[in-house]
Amino acid sequence: MFTHISIQRVATCCFRGTDNAQGHGVCGLPTRATSARVSQRSTHALWSQRRGASALVRSSPLRQSSVQSARRSNFFCSAQSGEPSAAEYQEKYGIKGSVSIVECEKGGLTKVVLTHWNKSMAELYLFGAVVTSWCQPQGSDVLYVRPDVIFDGVKPISGGVPHCFPRFGPSADMQQHGFARNCTWKVVDSHADINPDYPEPAVLLQLQDNDYTRSMWNYSFKAVYEVTLRSDRLKVELRVLNTGGKEFDFTTALHSYFGVADASSPAVNVKGLKGKSYLDKVPDANQPVEKVETHDVISFGKGLVDSVYLDTEAETLLDVGTGCSVSVENTRGFSDTVVWNPHETLKPEGVWKEFVCVESAQVSKPVVLGPGDEWLGEVNISVFDH
């Protein structure tokens, strides 16, 4: 049963500035919540079931596609001609003071801006359905976008909260982490519910199968991603529906980047994973070694960390080194947690010290959906003082 822990508003000093030298958001701290995992069969339309649905999850080995990924190495799923412009989306789904849809100066991509009554804000791009910013009321950004990011609508956006779907990690049948982060999603709904007496803005984006996705994963599906900006947290929900006549399986993750003071410091660490089995991908990402976590905290100063923790507790905590922590709660659907920091393997030099990834994942047991079945994953991110 989910019990929400009351959150103390984070002081401005807990966060780093919102912009770095390259002009990209620099994260300060993430969120706090607790999780419960549920499953349920549903045949209703995805966007009509935004609340309280569960997921049908069954264990199954991953299948391999005959399509060669080498042929598609340069493919991407761009916005199609005839799709609504930012102005058209704004006219249909914009909500004054709560939801704005604009054409961004970065590559002309369409961006959604959510604004809460308490002056917190979140931004997400239709390309990849990536949340790139979650600013606290005082202006400090929780999420991190890498300085080498390219907003060109071709290369996935590096940072924020990218999608890994329908594959997590390397795959023989498609590009690393799947195609969802290479596709332009569509806005299908928005709202600013009064809860109980102030707006909490949300937007729903949808991706469904097309020629590009079927070239590597020949299944019919719809995915709906709902992002809700609440006063004390960022809530995201991913729903996947099998709209075809044959069963399929997938793995998925939300590859969340969080800004930290200095990842080389022991003050930056992850808690809540001691005693859990994990796959250590550092020796060989394709053949990871299974181990058991024996440390109370996971730190990042000694080298590359790339670990998939299996069947984890609902909440994982990231101390960002400023006296504040981020809570990543796998509320439902996501049973695993990935911890990643590239150390010196990432260029330019020293960038690795600015972020840590704590990712909500469903990897150890691939989700299997029969015709008409639906899966739901929910994550709540919040920030709190020690």
Foldseek 3Di string as FASTA:
>chain_A
DWDFDDFDDDDPLQFDAQQDPLGAGFARAKFATFADAFADFFQDDPVVPPPDHHHFFDFDDADADPQAQVVCVQDFAFDDPPADAQVRCCVVANDPPAWHWDQDPQQRFIKIWGAWPLGWIWMATLQQRFTRFTAANVGGTFWHFFSPAHRNLADFGHIGWGKQPQEAADGRQHHHSDHSSRHRWAWDHKFFDCDPHTTWIKTKTKDWDDPVRCSRPVFTKMKIWMWIHDNFWIKIKIKMWGADAFKHWGKMKTFTKGWADFLLDPLWWKAQQAQFWKFWPVVPVVDTDIDGHHDRIGGDNPFWGWIKTFQGGQWMWTRRNSQKIKIKGFHYDFRIWIKTFHQCVDDDPRSSGTIITIMGIDHPGIGMDHHSTMHMTMIIMGMHGD
